[in-house]
PDB file of all heavy atoms in Angstrom:
ATOM      1  N   GLU A   1      -0.714   8.570   6.796  1.00  0.00           N
ATOM      2  CA  GLU A   1      -1.219   9.536   5.816  1.00  0.00           C
ATOM      3  C   GLU A   1      -2.368   8.891   5.054  1.00  0.00           C
ATOM      4  O   GLU A   1      -2.338   7.692   4.773  1.00  0.00           O
ATOM      5  CB  GLU A   1      -0.130   9.950   4.812  1.00  0.00           C
ATOM      6  CG  GLU A   1       0.996  10.782   5.387  1.00  0.00           C
ATOM      7  CD  GLU A   1       2.020  11.167   4.336  1.00  0.00           C
ATOM      8  OE1 GLU A   1       1.643  11.217   3.146  1.00  0.00           O
ATOM      9  OE2 GLU A   1       3.181  11.389   4.696  1.00  0.00           O
ATOM     10  N   GLY A   2      -3.376   9.687   4.736  1.00  0.00           N
ATOM     11  CA  GLY A   2      -4.483   9.183   3.929  1.00  0.00           C
ATOM     12  C   GLY A   2      -5.627   8.579   4.720  1.00  0.00           C
ATOM     13  O   GLY A   2      -6.367   7.747   4.196  1.00  0.00           O
ATOM     14  N   ILE A   3      -5.800   9.021   5.952  1.00  0.00           N
ATOM     15  CA  ILE A   3      -6.892   8.457   6.755  1.00  0.00           C
ATOM     16  C   ILE A   3      -8.243   8.758   6.111  1.00  0.00           C
ATOM     17  O   ILE A   3      -9.191   7.957   6.228  1.00  0.00           O
ATOM     18  CB  ILE A   3      -6.842   8.993   8.204  1.00  0.00           C
ATOM     19  CG1 ILE A   3      -7.750   8.161   9.105  1.00  0.00           C
ATOM     20  CG2 ILE A   3      -7.218  10.462   8.258  1.00  0.00           C
ATOM     21  CD1 ILE A   3      -7.311   6.736   9.268  1.00  0.00           C
ATOM     22  N   GLU A   4      -8.349   9.876   5.392  1.00  0.00           N
ATOM     23  CA  GLU A   4      -9.603  10.193   4.722  1.00  0.00           C
ATOM     24  C   GLU A   4      -9.890   9.194   3.596  1.00  0.00           C
ATOM     25  O   GLU A   4     -11.054   8.906   3.290  1.00  0.00           O
ATOM     26  CB  GLU A   4      -9.577  11.629   4.170  1.00  0.00           C
ATOM     27  CG  GLU A   4      -8.665  11.870   2.990  1.00  0.00           C
ATOM     28  CD  GLU A   4      -7.184  11.962   3.354  1.00  0.00           C
ATOM     29  OE1 GLU A   4      -6.859  11.937   4.555  1.00  0.00           O
ATOM     30  OE2 GLU A   4      -6.363  12.058   2.421  1.00  0.00           O
ATOM     31  N   VAL A   5      -8.827   8.651   3.003  1.00  0.00           N
ATOM     32  CA  VAL A   5      -9.000   7.611   1.988  1.00  0.00           C
ATOM     33  C   VAL A   5      -9.526   6.344   2.632  1.00  0.00           C
ATOM     34  O   VAL A   5     -10.455   5.705   2.129  1.00  0.00           O
ATOM     35  CB  VAL A   5      -7.676   7.337   1.246  1.00  0.00           C
ATOM     36  CG1 VAL A   5      -7.840   6.165   0.273  1.00  0.00           C
ATOM     37  CG2 VAL A   5      -7.198   8.573   0.519  1.00  0.00           C
ATOM     38  N   VAL A   6      -8.930   5.964   3.749  1.00  0.00           N
ATOM     39  CA  VAL A   6      -9.385   4.777   4.480  1.00  0.00           C
ATOM     40  C   VAL A   6     -10.874   4.880   4.787  1.00  0.00           C
ATOM     41  O   VAL A   6     -11.642   3.935   4.571  1.00  0.00           O
ATOM     42  CB  VAL A   6      -8.587   4.605   5.793  1.00  0.00           C
ATOM     43  CG1 VAL A   6      -9.211   3.512   6.670  1.00  0.00           C
ATOM     44  CG2 VAL A   6      -7.128   4.281   5.499  1.00  0.00           C
ATOM     45  N   GLU A   7     -11.297   6.040   5.277  1.00  0.00           N
ATOM     46  CA  GLU A   7     -12.697   6.214   5.661  1.00  0.00           C
ATOM     47  C   GLU A   7     -13.642   6.191   4.464  1.00  0.00           C
ATOM     48  O   GLU A   7     -14.831   5.916   4.621  1.00  0.00           O
ATOM     49  CB  GLU A   7     -12.853   7.517   6.437  1.00  0.00           C
ATOM     50  CG  GLU A   7     -12.156   7.497   7.785  1.00  0.00           C
ATOM     51  CD  GLU A   7     -12.346   8.788   8.554  1.00  0.00           C
ATOM     52  OE1 GLU A   7     -11.866   9.838   8.095  1.00  0.00           O
ATOM     53  OE2 GLU A   7     -12.992   8.747   9.627  1.00  0.00           O
ATOM     54  N   SER A   8     -13.106   6.454   3.265  1.00  0.00           N
ATOM     55  CA  SER A   8     -13.963   6.499   2.075  1.00  0.00           C
ATOM     56  C   SER A   8     -14.020   5.180   1.314  1.00  0.00           C
ATOM     57  O   SER A   8     -14.842   5.024   0.413  1.00  0.00           O
ATOM     58  CB  SER A   8     -13.470   7.598   1.120  1.00  0.00           C
ATOM     59  OG  SER A   8     -12.245   7.221   0.501  1.00  0.00           O
ATOM     60  N   LEU A   9     -13.160   4.218   1.648  1.00  0.00           N
ATOM     61  CA  LEU A   9     -13.100   2.972   0.892  1.00  0.00           C
ATOM     62  C   LEU A   9     -14.415   2.208   0.965  1.00  0.00           C
ATOM     63  O   LEU A   9     -15.033   2.118   2.032  1.00  0.00           O
ATOM     64  CB  LEU A   9     -11.956   2.089   1.422  1.00  0.00           C
ATOM     65  CG  LEU A   9     -10.542   2.587   1.114  1.00  0.00           C
ATOM     66  CD1 LEU A   9      -9.517   1.770   1.880  1.00  0.00           C
ATOM     67  CD2 LEU A   9     -10.275   2.549  -0.387  1.00  0.00           C
ATOM     68  N   ALA A  10     -14.812   1.652  -0.182  1.00  0.00           N
ATOM     69  CA  ALA A  10     -16.081   0.935  -0.271  1.00  0.00           C
ATOM     70  C   ALA A  10     -15.881  -0.368  -1.026  1.00  0.00           C
ATOM     71  O   ALA A  10     -14.844  -0.607  -1.656  1.00  0.00           O
ATOM     72  CB  ALA A  10     -17.117   1.804  -0.985  1.00  0.00           C
ATOM     73  N   ILE A  11     -16.889  -1.225  -0.976  1.00  0.00           N
ATOM     74  CA  ILE A  11     -16.849  -2.500  -1.701  1.00  0.00           C
ATOM     75  C   ILE A  11     -16.655  -2.224  -3.193  1.00  0.00           C
ATOM     76  O   ILE A  11     -17.371  -1.425  -3.790  1.00  0.00           O
ATOM     77  CB  ILE A  11     -18.140  -3.296  -1.465  1.00  0.00           C
ATOM     78  CG1 ILE A  11     -18.248  -3.714   0.005  1.00  0.00           C
ATOM     79  CG2 ILE A  11     -18.190  -4.531  -2.368  1.00  0.00           C
ATOM     80  CD1 ILE A  11     -19.566  -4.375   0.366  1.00  0.00           C
ATOM     81  N   GLY A  12     -15.673  -2.885  -3.784  1.00  0.00           N
ATOM     82  CA  GLY A  12     -15.383  -2.714  -5.199  1.00  0.00           C
ATOM     83  C   GLY A  12     -14.216  -1.791  -5.487  1.00  0.00           C
ATOM     84  O   GLY A  12     -13.673  -1.816  -6.598  1.00  0.00           O
ATOM     85  N   ASP A  13     -13.814  -0.964  -4.528  1.00  0.00           N
ATOM     86  CA  ASP A  13     -12.660  -0.100  -4.739  1.00  0.00           C
ATOM     87  C   ASP A  13     -11.404  -0.957  -4.914  1.00  0.00           C
ATOM     88  O   ASP A  13     -11.228  -1.974  -4.238  1.00  0.00           O
ATOM     89  CB  ASP A  13     -12.465   0.860  -3.566  1.00  0.00           C
ATOM     90  CG  ASP A  13     -13.502   1.974  -3.569  1.00  0.00           C
ATOM     91  OD1 ASP A  13     -14.067   2.250  -4.642  1.00  0.00           O
ATOM     92  OD2 ASP A  13     -13.749   2.570  -2.507  1.00  0.00           O
ATOM     93  N   ALA A  14     -10.538  -0.533  -5.817  1.00  0.00           N
ATOM     94  CA  ALA A  14      -9.388  -1.351  -6.193  1.00  0.00           C
ATOM     95  C   ALA A  14      -8.119  -0.979  -5.439  1.00  0.00           C
ATOM     96  O   ALA A  14      -7.899   0.187  -5.084  1.00  0.00           O
ATOM     97  CB  ALA A  14      -9.131  -1.232  -7.693  1.00  0.00           C
ATOM     98  N   ILE A  15      -7.284  -1.997  -5.230  1.00  0.00           N
ATOM     99  CA  ILE A  15      -5.906  -1.801  -4.786  1.00  0.00           C
ATOM    100  C   ILE A  15      -5.063  -1.807  -6.052  1.00  0.00           C
ATOM    101  O   ILE A  15      -4.878  -2.855  -6.682  1.00  0.00           O
ATOM    102  CB  ILE A  15      -5.456  -2.933  -3.846  1.00  0.00           C
ATOM    103  CG1 ILE A  15      -6.368  -3.014  -2.621  1.00  0.00           C
ATOM    104  CG2 ILE A  15      -3.998  -2.731  -3.425  1.00  0.00           C
ATOM    105  CD1 ILE A  15      -6.162  -4.269  -1.798  1.00  0.00           C
ATOM    106  N   ARG A  16      -4.585  -0.670  -6.461  1.00  0.00           N
ATOM    107  CA  ARG A  16      -3.805  -0.601  -7.698  1.00  0.00           C
ATOM    108  C   ARG A  16      -2.434  -1.224  -7.523  1.00  0.00           C
ATOM    109  O   ARG A  16      -1.856  -1.789  -8.447  1.00  0.00           O
ATOM    110  CB  ARG A  16      -3.684   0.851  -8.134  1.00  0.00           C
ATOM    111  CG  ARG A  16      -5.022   1.458  -8.585  1.00  0.00           C
ATOM    112  CD  ARG A  16      -4.902   2.939  -8.838  1.00  0.00           C
ATOM    113  NE  ARG A  16      -6.124   3.486  -9.423  1.00  0.00           N
ATOM    114  CZ  ARG A  16      -6.400   4.772  -9.487  1.00  0.00           C
ATOM    115  NH1 ARG A  16      -5.551   5.663  -8.984  1.00  0.00           N
ATOM    116  NH2 ARG A  16      -7.530   5.190 -10.034  1.00  0.00           N
ATOM    117  N   GLY A  17      -1.907  -1.123  -6.327  1.00  0.00           N
ATOM    118  CA  GLY A  17      -0.602  -1.705  -6.024  1.00  0.00           C
ATOM    119  C   GLY A  17      -0.161  -1.279  -4.641  1.00  0.00           C
ATOM    120  O   GLY A  17      -0.718  -0.336  -4.070  1.00  0.00           O
ATOM    121  N   ILE A  18       0.819  -1.991  -4.103  1.00  0.00           N
ATOM    122  CA  ILE A  18       1.361  -1.638  -2.790  1.00  0.00           C
ATOM    123  C   ILE A  18       2.876  -1.565  -2.907  1.00  0.00           C
ATOM    124  O   ILE A  18       3.540  -2.544  -3.262  1.00  0.00           O
ATOM    125  CB  ILE A  18       0.973  -2.667  -1.715  1.00  0.00           C
ATOM    126  CG1 ILE A  18      -0.555  -2.737  -1.565  1.00  0.00           C
ATOM    127  CG2 ILE A  18       1.630  -2.305  -0.374  1.00  0.00           C
ATOM    128  CD1 ILE A  18      -1.023  -3.765  -0.537  1.00  0.00           C
ATOM    129  N   ALA A  19       3.435  -0.388  -2.640  1.00  0.00           N
ATOM    130  CA  ALA A  19       4.882  -0.195  -2.641  1.00  0.00           C
ATOM    131  C   ALA A  19       5.377  -0.194  -1.203  1.00  0.00           C
ATOM    132  O   ALA A  19       4.679   0.271  -0.293  1.00  0.00           O
ATOM    133  CB  ALA A  19       5.243   1.120  -3.331  1.00  0.00           C
ATOM    134  N   ILE A  20       6.568  -0.720  -0.986  1.00  0.00           N
ATOM    135  CA  ILE A  20       7.150  -0.773   0.348  1.00  0.00           C
ATOM    136  C   ILE A  20       8.370   0.127   0.402  1.00  0.00           C
ATOM    137  O   ILE A  20       9.342  -0.061  -0.330  1.00  0.00           O
ATOM    138  CB  ILE A  20       7.557  -2.210   0.728  1.00  0.00           C
ATOM    139  CG1 ILE A  20       6.356  -3.160   0.621  1.00  0.00           C
ATOM    140  CG2 ILE A  20       8.143  -2.227   2.145  1.00  0.00           C
ATOM    141  CD1 ILE A  20       5.212  -2.853   1.563  1.00  0.00           C
ATOM    142  N   GLU A  21       8.310   1.124   1.282  1.00  0.00           N
ATOM    143  CA  GLU A  21       9.446   2.008   1.507  1.00  0.00           C
ATOM    144  C   GLU A  21      10.193   1.563   2.765  1.00  0.00           C
ATOM    145  O   GLU A  21       9.601   1.006   3.685  1.00  0.00           O
ATOM    146  CB  GLU A  21       8.967   3.455   1.688  1.00  0.00           C
ATOM    147  CG  GLU A  21       8.227   4.012   0.477  1.00  0.00           C
ATOM    148  CD  GLU A  21       7.673   5.400   0.740  1.00  0.00           C
ATOM    149  OE1 GLU A  21       7.659   5.835   1.916  1.00  0.00           O
ATOM    150  OE2 GLU A  21       7.239   6.054  -0.228  1.00  0.00           O
ATOM    151  N   GLY A  22      11.506   1.798   2.805  1.00  0.00           N
ATOM    152  CA  GLY A  22      12.290   1.508   3.998  1.00  0.00           C
ATOM    153  C   GLY A  22      12.698   0.070   4.158  1.00  0.00           C
ATOM    154  O   GLY A  22      13.261  -0.307   5.198  1.00  0.00           O
ATOM    155  N   ALA A  23      12.446  -0.764   3.147  1.00  0.00           N
ATOM    156  CA  ALA A  23      12.817  -2.173   3.233  1.00  0.00           C
ATOM    157  C   ALA A  23      14.294  -2.355   2.897  1.00  0.00           C
ATOM    158  O   ALA A  23      14.911  -1.518   2.230  1.00  0.00           O
ATOM    159  CB  ALA A  23      11.968  -2.996   2.275  1.00  0.00           C
ATOM    160  N   ASP A  24      14.860  -3.453   3.352  1.00  0.00           N
ATOM    161  CA  ASP A  24      16.193  -3.877   2.933  1.00  0.00           C
ATOM    162  C   ASP A  24      16.015  -4.484   1.549  1.00  0.00           C
ATOM    163  O   ASP A  24      15.582  -5.626   1.409  1.00  0.00           O
ATOM    164  CB  ASP A  24      16.747  -4.906   3.923  1.00  0.00           C
ATOM    165  CG  ASP A  24      18.155  -5.372   3.561  1.00  0.00           C
ATOM    166  OD1 ASP A  24      18.506  -5.375   2.365  1.00  0.00           O
ATOM    167  OD2 ASP A  24      18.892  -5.777   4.489  1.00  0.00           O
ATOM    168  N   GLU A  25      16.315  -3.719   0.507  1.00  0.00           N
ATOM    169  CA  GLU A  25      15.997  -4.128  -0.851  1.00  0.00           C
ATOM    170  C   GLU A  25      16.701  -5.411  -1.268  1.00  0.00           C
ATOM    171  O   GLU A  25      16.120  -6.265  -1.944  1.00  0.00           O
ATOM    172  CB  GLU A  25      16.331  -2.996  -1.830  1.00  0.00           C
ATOM    173  CG  GLU A  25      15.513  -1.729  -1.635  1.00  0.00           C
ATOM    174  CD  GLU A  25      14.026  -1.942  -1.902  1.00  0.00           C
ATOM    175  OE1 GLU A  25      13.668  -2.921  -2.579  1.00  0.00           O
ATOM    176  OE2 GLU A  25      13.223  -1.114  -1.427  1.00  0.00           O
ATOM    177  N   ASP A  26      17.963  -5.567  -0.884  1.00  0.00           N
ATOM    178  CA  ASP A  26      18.693  -6.777  -1.253  1.00  0.00           C
ATOM    179  C   ASP A  26      18.086  -7.998  -0.573  1.00  0.00           C
ATOM    180  O   ASP A  26      17.891  -9.048  -1.202  1.00  0.00           O
ATOM    181  CB  ASP A  26      20.175  -6.657  -0.876  1.00  0.00           C
ATOM    182  CG  ASP A  26      20.914  -5.631  -1.730  1.00  0.00           C
ATOM    183  OD1 ASP A  26      20.431  -5.351  -2.840  1.00  0.00           O
ATOM    184  OD2 ASP A  26      21.954  -5.119  -1.270  1.00  0.00           O
ATOM    185  N   ALA A  27      17.780  -7.860   0.713  1.00  0.00           N
ATOM    186  CA  ALA A  27      17.186  -8.974   1.453  1.00  0.00           C
ATOM    187  C   ALA A  27      15.804  -9.318   0.907  1.00  0.00           C
ATOM    188  O   ALA A  27      15.436 -10.490   0.792  1.00  0.00           O
ATOM    189  CB  ALA A  27      17.089  -8.633   2.939  1.00  0.00           C
ATOM    190  N   LEU A  28      15.046  -8.294   0.528  1.00  0.00           N
ATOM    191  CA  LEU A  28      13.710  -8.522  -0.004  1.00  0.00           C
ATOM    192  C   LEU A  28      13.786  -9.210  -1.367  1.00  0.00           C
ATOM    193  O   LEU A  28      12.998 -10.115  -1.661  1.00  0.00           O
ATOM    194  CB  LEU A  28      12.947  -7.203  -0.110  1.00  0.00           C
ATOM    195  CG  LEU A  28      11.511  -7.278  -0.626  1.00  0.00           C
ATOM    196  CD1 LEU A  28      10.685  -8.258   0.198  1.00  0.00           C
ATOM    197  CD2 LEU A  28      10.868  -5.895  -0.610  1.00  0.00           C
ATOM    198  N   ALA A  29      14.737  -8.794  -2.193  1.00  0.00           N
ATOM    199  CA  ALA A  29      14.899  -9.420  -3.503  1.00  0.00           C
ATOM    200  C   ALA A  29      15.221 -10.909  -3.349  1.00  0.00           C
ATOM    201  O   ALA A  29      14.701 -11.751  -4.095  1.00  0.00           O
ATOM    202  CB  ALA A  29      15.996  -8.718  -4.291  1.00  0.00           C
ATOM    203  N   ARG A  30      16.064 -11.229  -2.380  1.00  0.00           N
ATOM    204  CA  ARG A  30      16.392 -12.643  -2.136  1.00  0.00           C
ATOM    205  C   ARG A  30      15.181 -13.395  -1.601  1.00  0.00           C
ATOM    206  O   ARG A  30      14.925 -14.545  -1.973  1.00  0.00           O
ATOM    207  CB  ARG A  30      17.564 -12.763  -1.157  1.00  0.00           C
ATOM    208  CG  ARG A  30      18.894 -12.294  -1.716  1.00  0.00           C
ATOM    209  CD  ARG A  30      20.039 -12.709  -0.806  1.00  0.00           C
ATOM    210  NE  ARG A  30      19.924 -12.106   0.520  1.00  0.00           N
ATOM    211  CZ  ARG A  30      20.460 -10.936   0.862  1.00  0.00           C
ATOM    212  NH1 ARG A  30      21.123 -10.219  -0.048  1.00  0.00           N
ATOM    213  NH2 ARG A  30      20.331 -10.454   2.088  1.00  0.00           N
TER     214      ARG A  30
END
């Protein structure tokens, strides 16, 4: 999802954050 965003990204555009869905939360916390 968001391929139009990918195509619009330019130098200086920010990564506000990256969330991970579907992870093993307990294993990731460890």
